[in-house]
Amino acid sequence: MSFFCVGRYQFVLQLKQDILQGRLPLTDELAAELFALSLQAELGDFDPRKHHEHYVSEFRFLPEQTPHLEKKVEQIHKTLV
């Protein structure tokens, strides 16, 4: 893994931590998009055989994560390829 890749990975981890701890305020729309992209990076493409109905709720991305947001994240994740 190159130095650039490690630095980029550390940046993403710091960004996720800042969001989760409420230090980086986000609109609901941006939060849903970033959360879906994070899932895409971690899980890959949506696969109904692997991703059960409430798979998004297994991940913590926001300090006050709601079922409504999780449903929106799932919908966005399904469109990412």
PDB file of N, CA and C in Angstrom:
ATOM      1  N   MET A   1       0.854  -1.175   0.000  1.00  0.00           N
ATOM      2  CA  MET A   1       0.000   0.000   0.000  1.00  0.00           C
ATOM      3  C   MET A   1       0.899   1.238   0.000  1.00  0.00           C
ATOM      4  N   SER A   2       0.634   2.156  -0.879  1.00  0.00           N
ATOM      5  CA  SER A   2       1.477   3.344  -0.994  1.00  0.00           C
ATOM      6  C   SER A   2       1.187   4.337   0.128  1.00  0.00           C
ATOM      7  N   PHE A   3       2.110   5.248   0.321  1.00  0.00           N
ATOM      8  CA  PHE A   3       1.954   6.293   1.333  1.00  0.00           C
ATOM      9  C   PHE A   3       0.694   7.109   1.069  1.00  0.00           C
ATOM     10  N   PHE A   4       0.420   7.403  -0.214  1.00  0.00           N
ATOM     11  CA  PHE A   4      -0.767   8.179  -0.574  1.00  0.00           C
ATOM     12  C   PHE A   4      -2.039   7.438  -0.174  1.00  0.00           C
ATOM     13  N   CYS A   5      -2.092   6.138  -0.424  1.00  0.00           N
ATOM     14  CA  CYS A   5      -3.272   5.345  -0.071  1.00  0.00           C
ATOM     15  C   CYS A   5      -3.479   5.301   1.437  1.00  0.00           C
ATOM     16  N   VAL A   6      -2.407   5.139   2.185  1.00  0.00           N
ATOM     17  CA  VAL A   6      -2.501   5.120   3.645  1.00  0.00           C
ATOM     18  C   VAL A   6      -2.999   6.465   4.149  1.00  0.00           C
ATOM     19  N   GLY A   7      -2.469   7.543   3.612  1.00  0.00           N
ATOM     20  CA  GLY A   7      -2.906   8.883   4.017  1.00  0.00           C
ATOM     21  C   GLY A   7      -4.364   9.126   3.702  1.00  0.00           C
ATOM     22  N   ARG A   8      -4.802   8.677   2.542  1.00  0.00           N
ATOM     23  CA  ARG A   8      -6.205   8.846   2.146  1.00  0.00           C
ATOM     24  C   ARG A   8      -7.109   8.028   3.064  1.00  0.00           C
ATOM     25  N   TYR A   9      -6.693   6.813   3.387  1.00  0.00           N
ATOM     26  CA  TYR A   9      -7.463   5.954   4.282  1.00  0.00           C
ATOM     27  C   TYR A   9      -7.574   6.587   5.672  1.00  0.00           C
ATOM     28  N   GLN A  10      -6.475   7.126   6.182  1.00  0.00           N
ATOM     29  CA  GLN A  10      -6.495   7.780   7.491  1.00  0.00           C
ATOM     30  C   GLN A  10      -7.396   9.011   7.475  1.00  0.00           C
ATOM     31  N   PHE A  11      -7.399   9.741   6.369  1.00  0.00           N
ATOM     32  CA  PHE A  11      -8.274  10.903   6.234  1.00  0.00           C
ATOM     33  C   PHE A  11      -9.738  10.479   6.311  1.00  0.00           C
ATOM     34  N   VAL A  12     -10.091   9.410   5.614  1.00  0.00           N
ATOM     35  CA  VAL A  12     -11.473   8.918   5.629  1.00  0.00           C
ATOM     36  C   VAL A  12     -11.859   8.456   7.029  1.00  0.00           C
ATOM     37  N   LEU A  13     -10.965   7.756   7.710  1.00  0.00           N
ATOM     38  CA  LEU A  13     -11.247   7.330   9.085  1.00  0.00           C
ATOM     39  C   LEU A  13     -11.473   8.526  10.001  1.00  0.00           C
ATOM     40  N   GLN A  14     -10.653   9.565   9.866  1.00  0.00           N
ATOM     41  CA  GLN A  14     -10.812  10.769  10.684  1.00  0.00           C
ATOM     42  C   GLN A  14     -12.128  11.467  10.366  1.00  0.00           C
ATOM     43  N   LEU A  15     -12.470  11.531   9.105  1.00  0.00           N
ATOM     44  CA  LEU A  15     -13.726  12.143   8.682  1.00  0.00           C
ATOM     45  C   LEU A  15     -14.921  11.398   9.279  1.00  0.00           C
ATOM     46  N   LYS A  16     -14.900  10.071   9.218  1.00  0.00           N
ATOM     47  CA  LYS A  16     -15.983   9.267   9.793  1.00  0.00           C
ATOM     48  C   LYS A  16     -16.082   9.486  11.300  1.00  0.00           C
ATOM     49  N   GLN A  17     -14.940   9.566  11.966  1.00  0.00           N
ATOM     50  CA  GLN A  17     -14.938   9.786  13.410  1.00  0.00           C
ATOM     51  C   GLN A  17     -15.495  11.167  13.746  1.00  0.00           C
ATOM     52  N   ASP A  18     -15.110  12.176  13.000  1.00  0.00           N
ATOM     53  CA  ASP A  18     -15.617  13.534  13.232  1.00  0.00           C
ATOM     54  C   ASP A  18     -17.126  13.603  13.033  1.00  0.00           C
ATOM     55  N   ILE A  19     -17.636  12.910  12.026  1.00  0.00           N
ATOM     56  CA  ILE A  19     -19.079  12.886  11.784  1.00  0.00           C
ATOM     57  C   ILE A  19     -19.781  12.165  12.926  1.00  0.00           C
ATOM     58  N   LEU A  20     -19.284  11.001  13.303  1.00  0.00           N
ATOM     59  CA  LEU A  20     -19.907  10.200  14.354  1.00  0.00           C
ATOM     60  C   LEU A  20     -19.921  10.927  15.691  1.00  0.00           C
ATOM     61  N   GLN A  21     -18.890  11.715  15.957  1.00  0.00           N
ATOM     62  CA  GLN A  21     -18.814  12.440  17.224  1.00  0.00           C
ATOM     63  C   GLN A  21     -19.487  13.807  17.161  1.00  0.00           C
ATOM     64  N   GLY A  22     -20.111  14.123  16.029  1.00  0.00           N
ATOM     65  CA  GLY A  22     -20.863  15.367  15.911  1.00  0.00           C
ATOM     66  C   GLY A  22     -20.024  16.609  15.708  1.00  0.00           C
ATOM     67  N   ARG A  23     -18.758  16.454  15.382  1.00  0.00           N
ATOM     68  CA  ARG A  23     -17.887  17.618  15.175  1.00  0.00           C
ATOM     69  C   ARG A  23     -18.014  18.197  13.770  1.00  0.00           C
ATOM     70  N   LEU A  24     -18.635  17.452  12.877  1.00  0.00           N
ATOM     71  CA  LEU A  24     -18.798  17.900  11.501  1.00  0.00           C
ATOM     72  C   LEU A  24     -20.283  17.823  11.151  1.00  0.00           C
ATOM     73  N   PRO A  25     -20.984  18.951  11.255  1.00  0.00           N
ATOM     74  CA  PRO A  25     -22.426  18.929  10.975  1.00  0.00           C
ATOM     75  C   PRO A  25     -22.700  18.710   9.487  1.00  0.00           C
ATOM     76  N   LEU A  26     -23.736  17.914   9.211  1.00  0.00           N
ATOM     77  CA  LEU A  26     -24.105  17.587   7.837  1.00  0.00           C
ATOM     78  C   LEU A  26     -25.603  17.758   7.638  1.00  0.00           C
ATOM     79  N   THR A  27     -25.999  18.090   6.421  1.00  0.00           N
ATOM     80  CA  THR A  27     -27.417  18.040   6.087  1.00  0.00           C
ATOM     81  C   THR A  27     -27.811  16.568   6.003  1.00  0.00           C
ATOM     82  N   ASP A  28     -29.096  16.288   6.088  1.00  0.00           N
ATOM     83  CA  ASP A  28     -29.555  14.904   5.977  1.00  0.00           C
ATOM     84  C   ASP A  28     -29.187  14.301   4.625  1.00  0.00           C
ATOM     85  N   GLU A  29     -29.301  15.107   3.577  1.00  0.00           N
ATOM     86  CA  GLU A  29     -28.979  14.627   2.231  1.00  0.00           C
ATOM     87  C   GLU A  29     -27.506  14.231   2.113  1.00  0.00           C
ATOM     88  N   LEU A  30     -26.629  15.117   2.577  1.00  0.00           N
ATOM     89  CA  LEU A  30     -25.193  14.836   2.490  1.00  0.00           C
ATOM     90  C   LEU A  30     -24.816  13.657   3.378  1.00  0.00           C
ATOM     91  N   ALA A  31     -25.413  13.581   4.564  1.00  0.00           N
ATOM     92  CA  ALA A  31     -25.135  12.464   5.463  1.00  0.00           C
ATOM     93  C   ALA A  31     -25.518  11.141   4.809  1.00  0.00           C
ATOM     94  N   ALA A  32     -26.674  11.093   4.168  1.00  0.00           N
ATOM     95  CA  ALA A  32     -27.128   9.864   3.513  1.00  0.00           C
ATOM     96  C   ALA A  32     -26.189   9.478   2.373  1.00  0.00           C
ATOM     97  N   GLU A  33     -25.765  10.444   1.588  1.00  0.00           N
ATOM     98  CA  GLU A  33     -24.866  10.153   0.469  1.00  0.00           C
ATOM     99  C   GLU A  33     -23.506   9.658   0.954  1.00  0.00           C
ATOM    100  N   LEU A  34     -22.945  10.335   1.969  1.00  0.00           N
ATOM    101  CA  LEU A  34     -21.641   9.913   2.490  1.00  0.00           C
ATOM    102  C   LEU A  34     -21.718   8.540   3.146  1.00  0.00           C
ATOM    103  N   PHE A  35     -22.801   8.291   3.864  1.00  0.00           N
ATOM    104  CA  PHE A  35     -23.003   7.000   4.517  1.00  0.00           C
ATOM    105  C   PHE A  35     -23.087   5.900   3.457  1.00  0.00           C
ATOM    106  N   ALA A  36     -23.844   6.138   2.390  1.00  0.00           N
ATOM    107  CA  ALA A  36     -23.976   5.148   1.321  1.00  0.00           C
ATOM    108  C   ALA A  36     -22.633   4.891   0.641  1.00  0.00           C
ATOM    109  N   LEU A  37     -21.866   5.939   0.416  1.00  0.00           N
ATOM    110  CA  LEU A  37     -20.537   5.773  -0.188  1.00  0.00           C
ATOM    111  C   LEU A  37     -19.607   4.988   0.736  1.00  0.00           C
ATOM    112  N   SER A  38     -19.741   5.231   2.025  1.00  0.00           N
ATOM    113  CA  SER A  38     -18.944   4.491   3.001  1.00  0.00           C
ATOM    114  C   SER A  38     -19.295   3.001   2.953  1.00  0.00           C
ATOM    115  N   LEU A  39     -20.589   2.699   2.859  1.00  0.00           N
ATOM    116  CA  LEU A  39     -21.010   1.302   2.737  1.00  0.00           C
ATOM    117  C   LEU A  39     -20.496   0.686   1.441  1.00  0.00           C
ATOM    118  N   GLN A  40     -20.553   1.453   0.374  1.00  0.00           N
ATOM    119  CA  GLN A  40     -20.064   0.969  -0.921  1.00  0.00           C
ATOM    120  C   GLN A  40     -18.579   0.602  -0.819  1.00  0.00           C
ATOM    121  N   ALA A  41     -17.812   1.445  -0.152  1.00  0.00           N
ATOM    122  CA  ALA A  41     -16.382   1.183   0.002  1.00  0.00           C
ATOM    123  C   ALA A  41     -16.134  -0.043   0.874  1.00  0.00           C
ATOM    124  N   GLU A  42     -16.957  -0.217   1.898  1.00  0.00           N
ATOM    125  CA  GLU A  42     -16.745  -1.315   2.837  1.00  0.00           C
ATOM    126  C   GLU A  42     -17.347  -2.642   2.364  1.00  0.00           C
ATOM    127  N   LEU A  43     -18.539  -2.577   1.753  1.00  0.00           N
ATOM    128  CA  LEU A  43     -19.266  -3.794   1.398  1.00  0.00           C
ATOM    129  C   LEU A  43     -19.274  -4.118  -0.091  1.00  0.00           C
ATOM    130  N   GLY A  44     -18.958  -3.124  -0.908  1.00  0.00           N
ATOM    131  CA  GLY A  44     -19.066  -3.317  -2.349  1.00  0.00           C
ATOM    132  C   GLY A  44     -20.481  -3.034  -2.824  1.00  0.00           C
ATOM    133  N   ASP A  45     -20.791  -3.503  -4.025  1.00  0.00           N
ATOM    134  CA  ASP A  45     -22.120  -3.287  -4.594  1.00  0.00           C
ATOM    135  C   ASP A  45     -23.196  -3.940  -3.741  1.00  0.00           C
ATOM    136  N   PHE A  46     -24.382  -3.345  -3.760  1.00  0.00           N
ATOM    137  CA  PHE A  46     -25.523  -3.937  -3.067  1.00  0.00           C
ATOM    138  C   PHE A  46     -25.833  -5.295  -3.684  1.00  0.00           C
ATOM    139  N   ASP A  47     -26.033  -6.278  -2.826  1.00  0.00           N
ATOM    140  CA  ASP A  47     -26.378  -7.625  -3.272  1.00  0.00           C
ATOM    141  C   ASP A  47     -27.506  -8.134  -2.379  1.00  0.00           C
ATOM    142  N   PRO A  48     -28.711  -8.292  -2.927  1.00  0.00           N
ATOM    143  CA  PRO A  48     -29.846  -8.715  -2.100  1.00  0.00           C
ATOM    144  C   PRO A  48     -29.640 -10.084  -1.451  1.00  0.00           C
ATOM    145  N   ARG A  49     -28.734 -10.888  -1.990  1.00  0.00           N
ATOM    146  CA  ARG A  49     -28.449 -12.191  -1.376  1.00  0.00           C
ATOM    147  C   ARG A  49     -27.598 -12.044  -0.117  1.00  0.00           C
ATOM    148  N   LYS A  50     -26.812 -10.968  -0.045  1.00  0.00           N
ATOM    149  CA  LYS A  50     -25.926 -10.753   1.111  1.00  0.00           C
ATOM    150  C   LYS A  50     -26.447  -9.677   2.058  1.00  0.00           C
ATOM    151  N   HIS A  51     -27.135  -8.691   1.525  1.00  0.00           N
ATOM    152  CA  HIS A  51     -27.550  -7.544   2.331  1.00  0.00           C
ATOM    153  C   HIS A  51     -29.031  -7.665   2.683  1.00  0.00           C
ATOM    154  N   HIS A  52     -29.270  -8.106   3.904  1.00  0.00           N
ATOM    155  CA  HIS A  52     -30.642  -8.304   4.370  1.00  0.00           C
ATOM    156  C   HIS A  52     -31.341  -6.966   4.587  1.00  0.00           C
ATOM    157  N   GLU A  53     -32.589  -7.012   4.971  1.00  0.00           N
ATOM    158  CA  GLU A  53     -33.431  -5.814   5.036  1.00  0.00           C
ATOM    159  C   GLU A  53     -32.865  -4.686   5.896  1.00  0.00           C
ATOM    160  N   HIS A  54     -32.279  -4.998   7.028  1.00  0.00           N
ATOM    161  CA  HIS A  54     -31.812  -3.946   7.943  1.00  0.00           C
ATOM    162  C   HIS A  54     -30.286  -3.920   8.078  1.00  0.00           C
ATOM    163  N   TYR A  55     -29.582  -4.251   7.013  1.00  0.00           N
ATOM    164  CA  TYR A  55     -28.120  -4.322   7.086  1.00  0.00           C
ATOM    165  C   TYR A  55     -27.486  -2.973   7.407  1.00  0.00           C
ATOM    166  N   VAL A  56     -28.120  -1.880   6.980  1.00  0.00           N
ATOM    167  CA  VAL A  56     -27.552  -0.544   7.209  1.00  0.00           C
ATOM    168  C   VAL A  56     -27.486  -0.235   8.702  1.00  0.00           C
ATOM    169  N   SER A  57     -28.462  -0.711   9.465  1.00  0.00           N
ATOM    170  CA  SER A  57     -28.499  -0.397  10.899  1.00  0.00           C
ATOM    171  C   SER A  57     -27.357  -1.047  11.675  1.00  0.00           C
ATOM    172  N   GLU A  58     -26.637  -1.966  11.052  1.00  0.00           N
ATOM    173  CA  GLU A  58     -25.483  -2.585  11.709  1.00  0.00           C
ATOM    174  C   GLU A  58     -24.272  -1.656  11.741  1.00  0.00           C
ATOM    175  N   PHE A  59     -24.347  -0.553  11.003  1.00  0.00           N
ATOM    176  CA  PHE A  59     -23.239   0.393  10.914  1.00  0.00           C
ATOM    177  C   PHE A  59     -23.615   1.704  11.592  1.00  0.00           C
ATOM    178  N   ARG A  60     -22.670   2.296  12.328  1.00  0.00           N
ATOM    179  CA  ARG A  60     -22.879   3.598  12.968  1.00  0.00           C
ATOM    180  C   ARG A  60     -22.127   4.632  12.169  1.00  0.00           C
ATOM    181  N   PHE A  61     -22.876   5.621  11.675  1.00  0.00           N
ATOM    182  CA  PHE A  61     -22.271   6.689  10.895  1.00  0.00           C
ATOM    183  C   PHE A  61     -22.575   8.051  11.494  1.00  0.00           C
ATOM    184  N   LEU A  62     -23.735   8.169  12.128  1.00  0.00           N
ATOM    185  CA  LEU A  62     -24.158   9.437  12.730  1.00  0.00           C
ATOM    186  C   LEU A  62     -24.457   9.239  14.205  1.00  0.00           C
ATOM    187  N   PRO A  63     -24.274  10.291  15.007  1.00  0.00           N
ATOM    188  CA  PRO A  63     -24.562  10.157  16.436  1.00  0.00           C
ATOM    189  C   PRO A  63     -26.041   9.875  16.703  1.00  0.00           C
ATOM    190  N   GLU A  64     -26.925  10.441  15.896  1.00  0.00           N
ATOM    191  CA  GLU A  64     -28.366  10.219  16.058  1.00  0.00           C
ATOM    192  C   GLU A  64     -28.916   9.669  14.743  1.00  0.00           C
ATOM    193  N   GLN A  65     -28.640   8.425  14.510  1.00  0.00           N
ATOM    194  CA  GLN A  65     -29.009   7.762  13.263  1.00  0.00           C
ATOM    195  C   GLN A  65     -30.445   7.254  13.361  1.00  0.00           C
ATOM    196  N   THR A  66     -31.270   7.597  12.398  1.00  0.00           N
ATOM    197  CA  THR A  66     -32.683   7.220  12.436  1.00  0.00           C
ATOM    198  C   THR A  66     -32.990   6.128  11.406  1.00  0.00           C
ATOM    199  N   PRO A  67     -34.053   5.368  11.633  1.00  0.00           N
ATOM    200  CA  PRO A  67     -34.474   4.376  10.637  1.00  0.00           C
ATOM    201  C   PRO A  67     -34.800   5.021   9.282  1.00  0.00           C
ATOM    202  N   HIS A  68     -35.344   6.228   9.305  1.00  0.00           N
ATOM    203  CA  HIS A  68     -35.653   6.940   8.054  1.00  0.00           C
ATOM    204  C   HIS A  68     -34.365   7.189   7.259  1.00  0.00           C
ATOM    205  N   LEU A  69     -33.328   7.660   7.928  1.00  0.00           N
ATOM    206  CA  LEU A  69     -32.045   7.897   7.259  1.00  0.00           C
ATOM    207  C   LEU A  69     -31.468   6.583   6.738  1.00  0.00           C
ATOM    208  N   GLU A  70     -31.546   5.535   7.535  1.00  0.00           N
ATOM    209  CA  GLU A  70     -31.001   4.244   7.129  1.00  0.00           C
ATOM    210  C   GLU A  70     -31.690   3.729   5.869  1.00  0.00           C
ATOM    211  N   LYS A  71     -32.995   3.929   5.759  1.00  0.00           N
ATOM    212  CA  LYS A  71     -33.725   3.507   4.562  1.00  0.00           C
ATOM    213  C   LYS A  71     -33.247   4.294   3.342  1.00  0.00           C
ATOM    214  N   LYS A  72     -33.026   5.591   3.534  1.00  0.00           N
ATOM    215  CA  LYS A  72     -32.534   6.435   2.440  1.00  0.00           C
ATOM    216  C   LYS A  72     -31.131   5.984   2.014  1.00  0.00           C
ATOM    217  N   VAL A  73     -30.293   5.658   2.986  1.00  0.00           N
ATOM    218  CA  VAL A  73     -28.933   5.180   2.703  1.00  0.00           C
ATOM    219  C   VAL A  73     -28.991   3.881   1.898  1.00  0.00           C
ATOM    220  N   GLU A  74     -29.875   2.984   2.293  1.00  0.00           N
ATOM    221  CA  GLU A  74     -30.023   1.723   1.563  1.00  0.00           C
ATOM    222  C   GLU A  74     -30.442   1.981   0.116  1.00  0.00           C
ATOM    223  N   GLN A  75     -31.371   2.898  -0.086  1.00  0.00           N
ATOM    224  CA  GLN A  75     -31.820   3.226  -1.445  1.00  0.00           C
ATOM    225  C   GLN A  75     -30.667   3.775  -2.287  1.00  0.00           C
ATOM    226  N   ILE A  76     -29.857   4.641  -1.691  1.00  0.00           N
ATOM    227  CA  ILE A  76     -28.714   5.205  -2.424  1.00  0.00           C
ATOM    228  C   ILE A  76     -27.680   4.119  -2.706  1.00  0.00           C
ATOM    229  N   HIS A  77     -27.402   3.277  -1.699  1.00  0.00           N
ATOM    230  CA  HIS A  77     -26.408   2.213  -1.874  1.00  0.00           C
ATOM    231  C   HIS A  77     -26.793   1.298  -3.036  1.00  0.00           C
ATOM    232  N   LYS A  78     -28.074   1.035  -3.205  1.00  0.00           N
ATOM    233  CA  LYS A  78     -28.536   0.170  -4.294  1.00  0.00           C
ATOM    234  C   LYS A  78     -28.214   0.751  -5.670  1.00  0.00           C
ATOM    235  N   THR A  79     -28.068   2.070  -5.759  1.00  0.00           N
ATOM    236  CA  THR A  79     -27.816   2.712  -7.056  1.00  0.00           C
ATOM    237  C   THR A  79     -26.330   2.819  -7.390  1.00  0.00           C
ATOM    238  N   LEU A  80     -25.471   2.597  -6.421  1.00  0.00           N
ATOM    239  CA  LEU A  80     -24.029   2.749  -6.636  1.00  0.00           C
ATOM    240  C   LEU A  80     -23.453   1.490  -7.273  1.00  0.00           C
ATOM    241  N   VAL A  81     -22.715   1.669  -8.342  1.00  0.00           N
ATOM    242  CA  VAL A  81     -22.078   0.521  -9.005  1.00  0.00           C
ATOM    243  C   VAL A  81     -20.686   0.897  -9.459  1.00  0.00           C
TER     244      VAL A  81
END
